[in-house]
Amino acid sequence: MIGAVMARISVQVPEFAGRVEGGRGFVELIRARKLPARSIAAYVFPSGFTGARPDAAAGAYTQMLTHRTSVVLFVQSFDRTGAAALDRIDEVLERVVRALAGWAPGDEVGVFRLERGQLVEAGAGRLAYQLDFAIDDQMRILT
């Protein structure tokens, strides 16, 4: 699912084409205590899941699952105050939300919905913003 989300962002939000990475790239940034070298970058990774009450019937076990996916966006501005990055982040956030909300990458039961967005870092003309999305699906195991 993460690969499909990455591809969707790259296609639907052209400024991210070739600038979307998965969780591994994000972990490497954190470990190295660095910021992306690019002026705009996105990192997509799974951020957990929850299960609803299961149902066991003759020959099948089913359970609704909610999968969460996070998208961390970095936008850099080269002005002293970072105001240009702040102005730019609004446009970028809206494009990413529109690309994912209401869309499903496969045969999931539901579609992605936006759960939350928050500023996670600001400084030196760079903003990092995290968007959290959720999608419902059903696990079905034949017993």
Protein backbone atom coordinates (compact mmCIF):
# COMPACT_ATOMS: atom_id res chain seq x y z
CA MET A 1 0.00 0.00 0.00
CA ILE A 2 2.83 2.43 0.81
CA GLY A 3 4.30 2.13 -2.69
CA ALA A 4 0.91 2.95 -4.21
CA VAL A 5 0.55 6.01 -1.95
CA MET A 6 4.04 7.18 -2.91
CA ALA A 7 3.24 6.78 -6.61
CA ARG A 8 -0.08 8.60 -6.21
CA ILE A 9 1.58 11.60 -4.57
CA SER A 10 4.29 11.68 -7.26
CA VAL A 11 1.70 11.73 -10.05
CA GLN A 12 -0.98 13.92 -8.49
CA VAL A 13 1.36 16.49 -6.94
CA PRO A 14 3.99 17.16 -9.65
CA GLU A 15 6.40 19.08 -7.42
CA PHE A 16 6.98 15.78 -5.56
CA ALA A 17 7.80 13.74 -8.69
CA GLY A 18 11.04 11.93 -7.87
CA ARG A 19 11.01 13.39 -4.34
CA VAL A 20 8.88 10.86 -2.46
CA GLU A 21 10.56 8.22 -0.31
CA GLY A 22 9.40 5.54 2.06
CA GLY A 23 9.95 5.02 5.74
CA ARG A 24 13.55 3.86 5.31
CA GLY A 25 14.59 7.25 3.95
CA PHE A 26 12.80 8.98 6.82
CA VAL A 27 14.51 6.79 9.43
CA GLU A 28 17.90 7.50 7.83
CA LEU A 29 17.24 11.26 8.13
CA ILE A 30 16.36 10.91 11.80
CA ARG A 31 19.36 8.72 12.58
CA ALA A 32 21.74 11.08 10.81
CA ARG A 33 20.01 14.10 12.39
CA LYS A 34 19.85 15.70 8.96
CA LEU A 35 17.22 17.36 6.85
CA PRO A 36 16.47 16.49 3.23
CA ALA A 37 18.88 17.98 0.73
CA ARG A 38 15.98 18.95 -1.54
CA SER A 39 13.86 22.07 -1.09
CA ILE A 40 10.72 19.92 -1.11
CA ALA A 41 10.45 16.27 -0.12
CA ALA A 42 7.88 13.75 1.13
CA TYR A 43 8.23 10.60 3.21
CA VAL A 44 5.45 8.00 3.40
CA PHE A 45 5.30 5.22 5.97
CA PRO A 46 2.81 3.01 7.81
CA SER A 47 1.98 4.49 11.21
CA GLY A 48 -0.05 1.69 12.76
CA PHE A 49 -3.34 -0.10 12.59
CA THR A 50 -6.22 -1.02 14.85
CA GLY A 51 -8.64 -3.88 14.74
CA ALA A 52 -12.34 -3.81 15.54
CA ARG A 53 -14.26 -6.58 17.27
CA PRO A 54 -13.77 -9.82 15.30
CA ASP A 55 -16.53 -12.04 14.03
CA ALA A 56 -16.07 -15.79 13.86
CA ALA A 57 -18.66 -17.68 11.86
CA ALA A 58 -18.71 -21.19 10.48
CA GLY A 59 -15.56 -21.52 8.41
CA ALA A 60 -14.45 -17.86 8.50
CA TYR A 61 -12.88 -15.32 10.80
CA THR A 62 -13.39 -11.68 9.84
CA GLN A 63 -12.24 -8.46 11.41
CA MET A 64 -12.37 -4.85 10.31
CA LEU A 65 -8.97 -3.13 10.35
CA THR A 66 -8.07 0.54 10.13
CA HIS A 67 -4.63 1.08 8.58
CA ARG A 68 -2.90 4.40 9.18
CA THR A 69 -0.40 6.00 6.83
CA SER A 70 1.65 9.10 7.56
CA VAL A 71 3.06 11.53 5.05
CA VAL A 72 5.76 13.91 6.30
CA LEU A 73 6.35 16.88 4.00
CA PHE A 74 9.42 19.09 4.07
CA VAL A 75 9.27 22.50 2.39
CA GLN A 76 12.25 24.84 2.42
CA SER A 77 12.31 28.56 1.86
CA PHE A 78 15.43 30.59 1.39
CA ASP A 79 14.12 33.79 2.97
CA ARG A 80 15.28 34.72 6.49
CA THR A 81 11.93 34.44 8.23
CA GLY A 82 10.69 31.29 6.52
CA ALA A 83 7.49 33.12 5.56
CA ALA A 84 7.71 31.89 1.97
CA ALA A 85 7.80 28.28 3.21
CA LEU A 86 4.74 28.93 5.35
CA ASP A 87 2.85 30.37 2.37
CA ARG A 88 3.93 27.47 0.18
CA ILE A 89 3.05 24.72 2.68
CA ASP A 90 -0.68 25.55 2.52
CA GLU A 91 -0.79 24.87 -1.21
CA VAL A 92 1.27 21.70 -0.91
CA LEU A 93 -0.82 20.34 1.96
CA GLU A 94 -4.04 20.88 0.03
CA ARG A 95 -2.70 19.09 -3.05
CA VAL A 96 -1.53 16.07 -1.04
CA VAL A 97 -4.83 15.84 0.85
CA ARG A 98 -6.78 16.03 -2.42
CA ALA A 99 -4.57 13.34 -3.94
CA LEU A 100 -5.23 10.82 -1.15
CA ALA A 101 -8.59 11.60 0.49
CA GLY A 102 -11.37 9.56 -1.09
CA TRP A 103 -8.95 7.25 -2.95
CA ALA A 104 -8.13 3.58 -2.37
CA PRO A 105 -4.98 1.96 -3.72
CA GLY A 106 -6.56 -1.46 -4.23
CA ASP A 107 -9.55 -3.52 -3.22
CA GLU A 108 -9.79 -2.16 0.31
CA VAL A 109 -13.26 -1.86 1.85
CA GLY A 110 -12.92 1.91 2.36
CA VAL A 111 -11.04 4.89 0.98
CA PHE A 112 -8.39 7.08 2.58
CA ARG A 113 -9.61 9.79 4.92
CA LEU A 114 -7.58 12.55 6.51
CA GLU A 115 -7.33 12.05 10.27
CA ARG A 116 -4.94 14.78 11.30
CA GLY A 117 -2.35 17.25 10.15
CA GLN A 118 0.23 18.98 12.29
CA LEU A 119 3.39 21.01 12.12
CA VAL A 120 6.25 18.87 13.40
CA GLU A 121 9.19 21.21 12.88
CA ALA A 122 9.89 24.77 11.88
CA GLY A 123 13.19 26.53 11.69
CA ALA A 124 15.91 27.90 9.44
CA GLY A 125 13.42 28.53 6.65
CA ARG A 126 12.23 24.92 6.61
CA LEU A 127 8.90 23.46 7.65
CA ALA A 128 8.03 19.83 8.29
CA TYR A 129 4.36 18.92 8.36
CA GLN A 130 2.83 15.51 9.06
CA LEU A 131 -0.45 14.34 7.54
CA ASP A 132 -2.07 11.20 8.93
CA PHE A 133 -4.51 9.23 6.79
CA ALA A 134 -6.58 6.14 7.58
CA ILE A 135 -8.26 3.51 5.43
CA ASP A 136 -10.56 0.69 6.47
CA ASP A 137 -10.22 -2.86 5.24
CA GLN A 138 -11.40 -6.29 6.23
CA MET A 139 -9.24 -9.23 7.20
CA ARG A 140 -10.85 -12.54 6.27
CA ILE A 141 -9.36 -15.88 7.23
CA LEU A 142 -11.00 -19.11 6.17
CA THR A 143 -10.80 -21.64 8.99
